[in-house]
Structure formats: structure tokens, C-alpha cells
Amino acid sequence: MFFINIPFGIVAVLLALAVIPSDSGQRKMATLGFDTLGSVLIFSGVGTGIAALSMGKERGWTSGPILLLLLSLLINSAFLFREWYQPSPLDLHLLKQPQFTMGIGTAFINRMVVSGTVFLLPLYSELVKGYTANFAGLLLVVSSLLIIVFGPVAGTLSDRIGSRWLCTLAGILLLFVIFDSSMPLILILIALGLRALSMGFFSPPNLRLVLSFSQKDHQGSASALWYFSRYLGAPLGSWSLRFSSITGSGSLRNPGPPVRSISIRWPARC
């Protein structure tokens, strides 16, 4: 099933080669090469931390997982120390700018919320509404296709009117994303549409805002930090909702009293 990503990846590479201009002829910039040690540290540190969180509920927090969390803290601290004080392709000093850090932080929170809804929506569709797994997957596919449509529109608008109002609009739209056990299918589709519109209207303007607070020769570091915040928020968002679901009900297979509503609230600031 996951092999479906391969043809899309091939098409993306071909489009990048055809559309993205070559950097030949531009001014030469000093490069530090690939940071092998930094990559090993961040991969092992984040991976160890996520593994500890995944095993903590099942095995208990006083056993192996807590040791993994401490190990993750040490490795990530070593990574931050290296990237801050040693010559590195990744410039963490960008985080000294409050606006830049706030943009990275909102991207992280946004990804946590989005990943949480991806975790909750199949449960809502199957356990609360009684839809089949195939139909629940179809609902998510339609929502994803709408994000693909709205994203470029938001990017174009952010170039004209700026990012702040689009990010705020994305937050306001999520205030109306409510799923209730008595909702008919048409209202569920409307809620999914608002969710897709909110997601599409947030990410491109937010990235533009983050890049605007970095100099041109530091935009590689800026975009790397932005993407890292999103990829870190994704597993943490799914884990937090999974943890709260298991803690509150004892088991996903035996959720206790019927779920009456699922409401998502989002701060209307970017």
C-alpha cells in the first residue's frame, strides 16, 4: 500500500529538475558540508524519545522507557550544544528572533493538532458513526485532495496580502470544525472541508512568514527548522491523543460510554 508514494516521488523529482532553476552563476557561498555527527545525534535523540513515549504506557514509566527518555534528553542536549557552538550548516541562532521562534512554534502546534485529527477521525468514523474502514479512508483522501487545492491558493494570497491574516483565518476556521455523533454525512463533509481549508491556508503563509525573518543565505536553516518542527509535532500529536484516549477509557476497543462529540479548538493567532 505504501508503495503508492513511489510514483509521486518520481514525478516530484522530475518536476523539480524541470522547474527549479540552477544555482550556477550565483555568488559562491562557503559551505561546511554535510553534518554527519549532527545528523546522527538528532536522529538517535528524537528516535529514542519517541520510542520511549510509545512504550511508556504499556511497560510503565518506572522501567526502561524512563531511561530512554533520559538518554534522549542527553543526546538532544549534545546536539543543541554542538549546533549552537560549533560551525554547522544548521544555524540555531535564528531562534534568537522572537518572531521566527513564534512561527516555528505555531508550525509545531499546528502539526500536532493536524496529526491528532488524523488519529481521531478514523475512530470517529468507525466507532461513533459506524462507517466502514474503506469509507473512513475515503473521507480522509477527499480532505487531503482539498488541501492540495487550497495550499497553492494560500501561497499566492500570502504573497499579496501577507501571512498574518491568512494564519488567523486558518485558526478561526478550526473553531467550526466539530464532529458530533448525530451529525448527518453532509455536515461531516462540510466540517472536513473547513478542516482542509484551515490546513491549506496555514502552512504556506506560515512558511513564508518564517522565511521572511531570515536572511537569504540562512533560509536553508530556516526551512530546515520549520520542517523539523512539523515532523516532530506529527508523532507527538498522535501520541498525546492516543495516550489520553487510552488513559481516559482503558482501551480503544472498549471506549466506555458512547462518544457524543469531538470538538477541536485552535488559537486564532499565528
C-alpha atoms as a PDB file:
ATOM      1  CA  MET A   1       0.000   0.000   0.000  1.00  0.00           C
ATOM      2  CA  PHE A   2       2.788   2.411   0.914  1.00  0.00           C
ATOM      3  CA  PHE A   3       4.429   1.854  -2.476  1.00  0.00           C
ATOM      4  CA  ILE A   4       1.892   4.332  -3.846  1.00  0.00           C
ATOM      5  CA  ASN A   5       4.291   7.075  -2.708  1.00  0.00           C
ATOM      6  CA  ILE A   6       6.974   5.952  -5.164  1.00  0.00           C
ATOM      7  CA  PRO A   7       5.395   7.232  -8.426  1.00  0.00           C
ATOM      8  CA  PHE A   8       4.501  10.534  -6.752  1.00  0.00           C
ATOM      9  CA  GLY A   9       8.104  10.870  -5.594  1.00  0.00           C
ATOM     10  CA  ILE A  10       9.413  10.207  -9.105  1.00  0.00           C
ATOM     11  CA  VAL A  11       7.065  12.820 -10.570  1.00  0.00           C
ATOM     12  CA  ALA A  12       8.125  15.335  -7.896  1.00  0.00           C
ATOM     13  CA  VAL A  13      11.820  14.802  -8.687  1.00  0.00           C
ATOM     14  CA  LEU A  14      11.223  15.236 -12.426  1.00  0.00           C
ATOM     15  CA  LEU A  15       9.203  18.405 -11.857  1.00  0.00           C
ATOM     16  CA  ALA A  16      11.913  19.787  -9.557  1.00  0.00           C
ATOM     17  CA  LEU A  17      14.585  19.173 -12.191  1.00  0.00           C
ATOM     18  CA  ALA A  18      12.441  20.865 -14.841  1.00  0.00           C
ATOM     19  CA  VAL A  19      11.132  23.847 -12.846  1.00  0.00           C
ATOM     20  CA  ILE A  20      13.658  24.784 -10.143  1.00  0.00           C
ATOM     21  CA  PRO A  21      16.396  26.980 -11.663  1.00  0.00           C
ATOM     22  CA  SER A  22      20.044  26.044 -11.390  1.00  0.00           C
ATOM     23  CA  ASP A  23      22.186  27.917  -8.880  1.00  0.00           C
ATOM     24  CA  SER A  24      25.095  28.112 -11.301  1.00  0.00           C
ATOM     25  CA  GLY A  25      26.218  31.667 -11.909  1.00  0.00           C
ATOM     26  CA  GLN A  26      25.122  32.855  -8.448  1.00  0.00           C
ATOM     27  CA  ARG A  27      27.644  34.075  -5.943  1.00  0.00           C
ATOM     28  CA  LYS A  28      29.626  31.332  -4.332  1.00  0.00           C
ATOM     29  CA  MET A  29      28.926  30.692  -0.696  1.00  0.00           C
ATOM     30  CA  ALA A  30      31.134  28.974   1.814  1.00  0.00           C
ATOM     31  CA  THR A  31      29.832  25.549   2.743  1.00  0.00           C
ATOM     32  CA  LEU A  32      30.560  23.336   5.691  1.00  0.00           C
ATOM     33  CA  GLY A  33      29.420  20.151   4.024  1.00  0.00           C
ATOM     34  CA  PHE A  34      27.105  17.545   5.460  1.00  0.00           C
ATOM     35  CA  ASP A  35      26.922  17.464   9.246  1.00  0.00           C
ATOM     36  CA  THR A  36      27.220  13.725   9.825  1.00  0.00           C
ATOM     37  CA  LEU A  37      27.638  13.879  13.598  1.00  0.00           C
ATOM     38  CA  GLY A  38      24.745  16.314  14.000  1.00  0.00           C
ATOM     39  CA  SER A  39      22.506  14.101  11.875  1.00  0.00           C
ATOM     40  CA  VAL A  40      23.366  11.038  13.958  1.00  0.00           C
ATOM     41  CA  LEU A  41      22.688  12.933  17.189  1.00  0.00           C
ATOM     42  CA  ILE A  42      19.306  14.344  16.177  1.00  0.00           C
ATOM     43  CA  PHE A  43      18.163  11.070  14.610  1.00  0.00           C
ATOM     44  CA  SER A  44      19.102   8.997  17.636  1.00  0.00           C
ATOM     45  CA  GLY A  45      17.907  11.594  20.156  1.00  0.00           C
ATOM     46  CA  VAL A  46      14.452  12.138  18.664  1.00  0.00           C
ATOM     47  CA  GLY A  47      14.057   8.467  17.755  1.00  0.00           C
ATOM     48  CA  THR A  48      14.916   7.371  21.282  1.00  0.00           C
ATOM     49  CA  GLY A  49      12.485   9.878  22.777  1.00  0.00           C
ATOM     50  CA  ILE A  50       9.585   8.833  20.535  1.00  0.00           C
ATOM     51  CA  ALA A  51      10.302   5.158  21.227  1.00  0.00           C
ATOM     52  CA  ALA A  52      10.230   5.853  24.971  1.00  0.00           C
ATOM     53  CA  LEU A  53       6.882   7.646  24.717  1.00  0.00           C
ATOM     54  CA  SER A  54       5.439   4.818  22.645  1.00  0.00           C
ATOM     55  CA  MET A  55       6.480   2.160  25.163  1.00  0.00           C
ATOM     56  CA  GLY A  56       5.811   4.141  28.326  1.00  0.00           C
ATOM     57  CA  LYS A  57       2.095   3.439  28.662  1.00  0.00           C
ATOM     58  CA  GLU A  58       2.384  -0.292  28.017  1.00  0.00           C
ATOM     59  CA  ARG A  59       5.535  -1.008  30.064  1.00  0.00           C
ATOM     60  CA  GLY A  60       5.260   1.622  32.775  1.00  0.00           C
ATOM     61  CA  TRP A  61       7.176   4.833  33.286  1.00  0.00           C
ATOM     62  CA  THR A  62       9.456   3.463  36.015  1.00  0.00           C
ATOM     63  CA  SER A  63      11.170   0.888  33.836  1.00  0.00           C
ATOM     64  CA  GLY A  64      13.028   1.059  30.524  1.00  0.00           C
ATOM     65  CA  PRO A  65      11.096   3.956  28.919  1.00  0.00           C
ATOM     66  CA  ILE A  66      12.128   6.474  31.567  1.00  0.00           C
ATOM     67  CA  LEU A  67      15.767   5.532  30.972  1.00  0.00           C
ATOM     68  CA  LEU A  68      15.244   6.033  27.248  1.00  0.00           C
ATOM     69  CA  LEU A  69      13.741   9.463  27.934  1.00  0.00           C
ATOM     70  CA  LEU A  70      16.804  10.436  29.970  1.00  0.00           C
ATOM     71  CA  LEU A  71      19.071   9.131  27.225  1.00  0.00           C
ATOM     72  CA  SER A  72      17.071  11.113  24.656  1.00  0.00           C
ATOM     73  CA  LEU A  73      17.451  14.257  26.771  1.00  0.00           C
ATOM     74  CA  LEU A  74      21.215  13.810  26.947  1.00  0.00           C
ATOM     75  CA  ILE A  75      21.591  13.144  23.205  1.00  0.00           C
ATOM     76  CA  ASN A  76      19.382  16.077  22.228  1.00  0.00           C
ATOM     77  CA  SER A  77      21.299  18.341  24.611  1.00  0.00           C
ATOM     78  CA  ALA A  78      24.533  17.268  22.963  1.00  0.00           C
ATOM     79  CA  PHE A  79      23.000  18.046  19.567  1.00  0.00           C
ATOM     80  CA  LEU A  80      21.909  21.538  20.653  1.00  0.00           C
ATOM     81  CA  PHE A  81      25.313  22.259  22.175  1.00  0.00           C
ATOM     82  CA  ARG A  82      27.104  21.179  19.001  1.00  0.00           C
ATOM     83  CA  GLU A  83      24.848  23.105  16.632  1.00  0.00           C
ATOM     84  CA  TRP A  84      24.955  26.251  18.794  1.00  0.00           C
ATOM     85  CA  TYR A  85      28.679  26.480  19.480  1.00  0.00           C
ATOM     86  CA  GLN A  86      30.314  24.581  16.606  1.00  0.00           C
ATOM     87  CA  PRO A  87      30.465  25.510  12.910  1.00  0.00           C
ATOM     88  CA  SER A  88      27.475  23.791  11.353  1.00  0.00           C
ATOM     89  CA  PRO A  89      25.220  24.100   8.305  1.00  0.00           C
ATOM     90  CA  LEU A  90      22.261  24.498  10.705  1.00  0.00           C
ATOM     91  CA  ASP A  91      22.100  27.973  12.252  1.00  0.00           C
ATOM     92  CA  LEU A  92      20.220  27.705  15.552  1.00  0.00           C
ATOM     93  CA  HIS A  93      20.917  31.369  16.293  1.00  0.00           C
ATOM     94  CA  LEU A  94      17.862  32.162  14.191  1.00  0.00           C
ATOM     95  CA  LEU A  95      15.846  31.148  17.245  1.00  0.00           C
ATOM     96  CA  LYS A  96      17.039  34.321  18.980  1.00  0.00           C
ATOM     97  CA  GLN A  97      14.440  36.219  16.937  1.00  0.00           C
ATOM     98  CA  PRO A  98      11.075  36.071  18.778  1.00  0.00           C
ATOM     99  CA  GLN A  99       9.017  36.309  15.575  1.00  0.00           C
ATOM    100  CA  PHE A 100      10.948  33.481  13.970  1.00  0.00           C
ATOM    101  CA  THR A 101      10.606  31.291  17.057  1.00  0.00           C
ATOM    102  CA  MET A 102       6.874  32.002  17.278  1.00  0.00           C
ATOM    103  CA  GLY A 103       6.460  30.987  13.650  1.00  0.00           C
ATOM    104  CA  ILE A 104       8.308  27.727  14.291  1.00  0.00           C
ATOM    105  CA  GLY A 105       6.250  27.152  17.438  1.00  0.00           C
ATOM    106  CA  THR A 106       2.917  27.639  15.687  1.00  0.00           C
ATOM    107  CA  ALA A 107       4.023  25.242  12.936  1.00  0.00           C
ATOM    108  CA  PHE A 108       4.804  22.663  15.623  1.00  0.00           C
ATOM    109  CA  ILE A 109       1.433  23.118  17.343  1.00  0.00           C
ATOM    110  CA  ASN A 110      -0.409  23.081  14.023  1.00  0.00           C
ATOM    111  CA  ARG A 111       1.181  19.773  13.104  1.00  0.00           C
ATOM    112  CA  MET A 112       0.309  18.298  16.484  1.00  0.00           C
ATOM    113  CA  VAL A 113      -3.347  19.247  16.013  1.00  0.00           C
ATOM    114  CA  VAL A 114      -3.444  18.003  12.420  1.00  0.00           C
ATOM    115  CA  SER A 115      -1.867  14.668  13.315  1.00  0.00           C
ATOM    116  CA  GLY A 116      -4.256  14.375  16.236  1.00  0.00           C
ATOM    117  CA  THR A 117      -7.246  14.771  13.951  1.00  0.00           C
ATOM    118  CA  VAL A 118      -5.796  12.168  11.583  1.00  0.00           C
ATOM    119  CA  PHE A 119      -5.684   9.824  14.578  1.00  0.00           C
ATOM    120  CA  LEU A 120      -9.198  10.688  15.791  1.00  0.00           C
ATOM    121  CA  LEU A 121     -11.134  10.818  12.532  1.00  0.00           C
ATOM    122  CA  PRO A 122     -10.903   7.083  11.690  1.00  0.00           C
ATOM    123  CA  LEU A 123     -12.032   6.277  15.257  1.00  0.00           C
ATOM    124  CA  TYR A 124     -14.898   8.726  14.961  1.00  0.00           C
ATOM    125  CA  SER A 125     -15.926   7.401  11.549  1.00  0.00           C
ATOM    126  CA  GLU A 126     -15.823   3.731  12.516  1.00  0.00           C
ATOM    127  CA  LEU A 127     -16.663   3.623  16.242  1.00  0.00           C
ATOM    128  CA  VAL A 128     -19.067   6.553  16.512  1.00  0.00           C
ATOM    129  CA  LYS A 129     -20.680   6.720  13.064  1.00  0.00           C
ATOM    130  CA  GLY A 130     -20.327   3.049  12.157  1.00  0.00           C
ATOM    131  CA  TYR A 131     -18.762   3.649   8.737  1.00  0.00           C
ATOM    132  CA  THR A 132     -16.589   1.005   7.147  1.00  0.00           C
ATOM    133  CA  ALA A 133     -12.809   1.335   7.156  1.00  0.00           C
ATOM    134  CA  ASN A 134     -12.796   1.921   3.392  1.00  0.00           C
ATOM    135  CA  PHE A 135     -15.327   4.733   3.649  1.00  0.00           C
ATOM    136  CA  ALA A 136     -13.430   6.311   6.545  1.00  0.00           C
ATOM    137  CA  GLY A 137     -10.270   6.246   4.432  1.00  0.00           C
ATOM    138  CA  LEU A 138     -12.135   7.809   1.527  1.00  0.00           C
ATOM    139  CA  LEU A 139     -13.202  10.714   3.727  1.00  0.00           C
ATOM    140  CA  LEU A 140      -9.570  11.389   4.633  1.00  0.00           C
ATOM    141  CA  VAL A 141      -8.495  11.157   0.983  1.00  0.00           C
ATOM    142  CA  VAL A 142     -11.081  13.756  -0.065  1.00  0.00           C
ATOM    143  CA  SER A 143      -9.904  16.050   2.716  1.00  0.00           C
ATOM    144  CA  SER A 144      -6.282  15.655   1.592  1.00  0.00           C
ATOM    145  CA  LEU A 145      -7.169  16.481  -2.006  1.00  0.00           C
ATOM    146  CA  LEU A 146      -8.828  19.691  -0.861  1.00  0.00           C
ATOM    147  CA  ILE A 147      -5.630  20.658   0.994  1.00  0.00           C
ATOM    148  CA  ILE A 148      -3.701  20.226  -2.256  1.00  0.00           C
ATOM    149  CA  VAL A 149      -6.119  22.667  -3.912  1.00  0.00           C
ATOM    150  CA  PHE A 150      -6.196  25.268  -1.133  1.00  0.00           C
ATOM    151  CA  GLY A 151      -2.438  25.282  -0.433  1.00  0.00           C
ATOM    152  CA  PRO A 152      -1.296  26.994  -3.667  1.00  0.00           C
ATOM    153  CA  VAL A 153      -4.147  29.494  -3.365  1.00  0.00           C
ATOM    154  CA  ALA A 154      -2.998  30.410   0.134  1.00  0.00           C
ATOM    155  CA  GLY A 155       0.599  30.747  -1.050  1.00  0.00           C
ATOM    156  CA  THR A 156      -0.433  33.169  -3.788  1.00  0.00           C
ATOM    157  CA  LEU A 157      -2.574  35.200  -1.397  1.00  0.00           C
ATOM    158  CA  SER A 158       0.206  35.405   1.195  1.00  0.00           C
ATOM    159  CA  ASP A 159       2.473  36.987  -1.420  1.00  0.00           C
ATOM    160  CA  ARG A 160      -0.146  39.694  -1.936  1.00  0.00           C
ATOM    161  CA  ILE A 161      -1.649  40.383   1.486  1.00  0.00           C
ATOM    162  CA  GLY A 162       0.878  38.867   3.884  1.00  0.00           C
ATOM    163  CA  SER A 163       0.732  35.847   6.168  1.00  0.00           C
ATOM    164  CA  ARG A 164      -0.792  37.101   9.413  1.00  0.00           C
ATOM    165  CA  TRP A 165      -4.406  37.332   8.302  1.00  0.00           C
ATOM    166  CA  LEU A 166      -4.332  34.001   6.493  1.00  0.00           C
ATOM    167  CA  CYS A 167      -2.915  32.236   9.545  1.00  0.00           C
ATOM    168  CA  THR A 168      -5.548  33.895  11.703  1.00  0.00           C
ATOM    169  CA  LEU A 169      -8.280  32.849   9.260  1.00  0.00           C
ATOM    170  CA  ALA A 170      -6.982  29.278   9.449  1.00  0.00           C
ATOM    171  CA  GLY A 171      -7.346  29.366  13.227  1.00  0.00           C
ATOM    172  CA  ILE A 172     -10.865  30.812  13.053  1.00  0.00           C
ATOM    173  CA  LEU A 173     -11.978  28.126  10.601  1.00  0.00           C
ATOM    174  CA  LEU A 174     -10.905  25.389  13.007  1.00  0.00           C
ATOM    175  CA  LEU A 175     -13.281  26.815  15.604  1.00  0.00           C
ATOM    176  CA  PHE A 176     -16.112  25.494  13.438  1.00  0.00           C
ATOM    177  CA  VAL A 177     -14.655  22.011  12.928  1.00  0.00           C
ATOM    178  CA  ILE A 178     -16.972  19.991  15.176  1.00  0.00           C
ATOM    179  CA  PHE A 179     -17.866  16.316  14.857  1.00  0.00           C
ATOM    180  CA  ASP A 180     -20.924  15.035  16.705  1.00  0.00           C
ATOM    181  CA  SER A 181     -22.433  11.555  16.868  1.00  0.00           C
ATOM    182  CA  SER A 182     -25.765  12.832  15.495  1.00  0.00           C
ATOM    183  CA  MET A 183     -24.293  14.712  12.517  1.00  0.00           C
ATOM    184  CA  PRO A 184     -25.507  13.681   9.056  1.00  0.00           C
ATOM    185  CA  LEU A 185     -22.954  12.916   6.370  1.00  0.00           C
ATOM    186  CA  ILE A 186     -23.337  16.280   4.645  1.00  0.00           C
ATOM    187  CA  LEU A 187     -22.346  18.151   7.822  1.00  0.00           C
ATOM    188  CA  ILE A 188     -19.384  15.829   8.309  1.00  0.00           C
ATOM    189  CA  LEU A 189     -18.241  16.654   4.781  1.00  0.00           C
ATOM    190  CA  ILE A 190     -18.616  20.372   5.499  1.00  0.00           C
ATOM    191  CA  ALA A 191     -16.543  20.001   8.687  1.00  0.00           C
ATOM    192  CA  LEU A 192     -13.853  18.097   6.778  1.00  0.00           C
ATOM    193  CA  GLY A 193     -13.891  20.813   4.133  1.00  0.00           C
ATOM    194  CA  LEU A 194     -13.371  23.526   6.758  1.00  0.00           C
ATOM    195  CA  ARG A 195     -10.552  21.468   8.256  1.00  0.00           C
ATOM    196  CA  ALA A 196      -8.896  21.125   4.850  1.00  0.00           C
ATOM    197  CA  LEU A 197      -9.354  24.840   4.149  1.00  0.00           C
ATOM    198  CA  SER A 198      -7.776  25.678   7.504  1.00  0.00           C
ATOM    199  CA  MET A 199      -4.813  23.358   6.915  1.00  0.00           C
ATOM    200  CA  GLY A 200      -4.271  24.632   3.391  1.00  0.00           C
ATOM    201  CA  PHE A 201      -4.454  28.261   4.481  1.00  0.00           C
ATOM    202  CA  PHE A 202      -1.988  27.824   7.327  1.00  0.00           C
ATOM    203  CA  SER A 203       1.161  26.059   6.115  1.00  0.00           C
ATOM    204  CA  PRO A 204       2.254  28.106   3.035  1.00  0.00           C
ATOM    205  CA  PRO A 205       1.721  31.507   4.719  1.00  0.00           C
ATOM    206  CA  ASN A 206       3.379  30.266   7.903  1.00  0.00           C
ATOM    207  CA  LEU A 207       6.450  29.083   5.991  1.00  0.00           C
ATOM    208  CA  ARG A 208       6.595  32.401   4.145  1.00  0.00           C
ATOM    209  CA  LEU A 209       6.433  34.223   7.480  1.00  0.00           C
ATOM    210  CA  VAL A 210       9.268  32.130   8.931  1.00  0.00           C
ATOM    211  CA  LEU A 211      11.492  32.665   5.898  1.00  0.00           C
ATOM    212  CA  SER A 212      10.854  36.407   5.971  1.00  0.00           C
ATOM    213  CA  PHE A 213      12.667  36.638   9.322  1.00  0.00           C
ATOM    214  CA  SER A 214      15.855  35.035   7.991  1.00  0.00           C
ATOM    215  CA  GLN A 215      18.483  36.368   5.627  1.00  0.00           C
ATOM    216  CA  LYS A 216      18.737  34.825   2.197  1.00  0.00           C
ATOM    217  CA  ASP A 217      21.879  32.857   2.994  1.00  0.00           C
ATOM    218  CA  HIS A 218      20.215  31.446   6.146  1.00  0.00           C
ATOM    219  CA  GLN A 219      16.927  30.386   4.580  1.00  0.00           C
ATOM    220  CA  GLY A 220      18.159  26.812   4.266  1.00  0.00           C
ATOM    221  CA  SER A 221      18.478  26.641   8.056  1.00  0.00           C
ATOM    222  CA  ALA A 222      15.131  28.403   8.477  1.00  0.00           C
ATOM    223  CA  SER A 223      13.265  25.959   6.262  1.00  0.00           C
ATOM    224  CA  ALA A 224      15.030  23.007   7.922  1.00  0.00           C
ATOM    225  CA  LEU A 225      13.900  24.148  11.371  1.00  0.00           C
ATOM    226  CA  TRP A 226      10.368  24.707  10.076  1.00  0.00           C
ATOM    227  CA  TYR A 227      10.089  21.235   8.575  1.00  0.00           C
ATOM    228  CA  PHE A 228      11.694  19.647  11.618  1.00  0.00           C
ATOM    229  CA  SER A 229       9.138  21.290  13.905  1.00  0.00           C
ATOM    230  CA  ARG A 230       6.334  19.852  11.796  1.00  0.00           C
ATOM    231  CA  TYR A 231       7.811  16.362  11.580  1.00  0.00           C
ATOM    232  CA  LEU A 232       8.393  16.399  15.334  1.00  0.00           C
ATOM    233  CA  GLY A 233       4.865  17.590  16.021  1.00  0.00           C
ATOM    234  CA  ALA A 234       3.310  14.803  13.944  1.00  0.00           C
ATOM    235  CA  PRO A 235       4.225  11.809  16.143  1.00  0.00           C
ATOM    236  CA  LEU A 236       3.820  13.820  19.339  1.00  0.00           C
ATOM    237  CA  GLY A 237       0.297  14.850  18.319  1.00  0.00           C
ATOM    238  CA  SER A 238      -0.748  11.281  17.565  1.00  0.00           C
ATOM    239  CA  TRP A 239       0.890  10.008  20.759  1.00  0.00           C
ATOM    240  CA  SER A 240      -0.725  12.621  23.009  1.00  0.00           C
ATOM    241  CA  LEU A 241      -4.242  11.831  21.781  1.00  0.00           C
ATOM    242  CA  ARG A 242      -3.597   8.101  21.842  1.00  0.00           C
ATOM    243  CA  PHE A 243      -2.281   8.393  25.389  1.00  0.00           C
ATOM    244  CA  SER A 244      -5.256  10.472  26.531  1.00  0.00           C
ATOM    245  CA  SER A 245      -7.706   8.077  24.822  1.00  0.00           C
ATOM    246  CA  ILE A 246      -6.187   5.025  26.493  1.00  0.00           C
ATOM    247  CA  THR A 247      -5.894   6.772  29.852  1.00  0.00           C
ATOM    248  CA  GLY A 248      -9.466   8.004  29.787  1.00  0.00           C
ATOM    249  CA  SER A 249     -11.162   4.831  28.598  1.00  0.00           C
ATOM    250  CA  GLY A 250      -8.788   1.983  29.395  1.00  0.00           C
ATOM    251  CA  SER A 251      -8.794   0.646  25.851  1.00  0.00           C
ATOM    252  CA  LEU A 252      -9.517   1.812  22.353  1.00  0.00           C
ATOM    253  CA  ARG A 253     -11.503  -1.365  21.788  1.00  0.00           C
ATOM    254  CA  ASN A 254     -13.678  -0.669  24.812  1.00  0.00           C
ATOM    255  CA  PRO A 255     -14.119   3.101  24.840  1.00  0.00           C
ATOM    256  CA  GLY A 256     -16.715   3.144  27.614  1.00  0.00           C
ATOM    257  CA  PRO A 257     -19.722   5.455  27.223  1.00  0.00           C
ATOM    258  CA  PRO A 258     -20.594   6.457  23.634  1.00  0.00           C
ATOM    259  CA  VAL A 259     -18.711   9.470  22.380  1.00  0.00           C
ATOM    260  CA  ARG A 260     -21.166  12.326  21.937  1.00  0.00           C
ATOM    261  CA  SER A 261     -18.955  14.901  20.271  1.00  0.00           C
ATOM    262  CA  ILE A 262     -15.423  15.649  19.200  1.00  0.00           C
ATOM    263  CA  SER A 263     -14.528  19.319  19.086  1.00  0.00           C
ATOM    264  CA  ILE A 264     -11.225  20.865  18.024  1.00  0.00           C
ATOM    265  CA  ARG A 265     -10.254  24.333  19.182  1.00  0.00           C
ATOM    266  CA  TRP A 266      -7.328  26.325  17.789  1.00  0.00           C
ATOM    267  CA  PRO A 267      -5.820  29.629  18.963  1.00  0.00           C
ATOM    268  CA  ALA A 268      -6.573  32.313  16.384  1.00  0.00           C
ATOM    269  CA  ARG A 269      -3.045  33.686  16.236  1.00  0.00           C
ATOM    270  CA  CYS A 270      -0.025  32.773  14.153  1.00  0.00           C
END
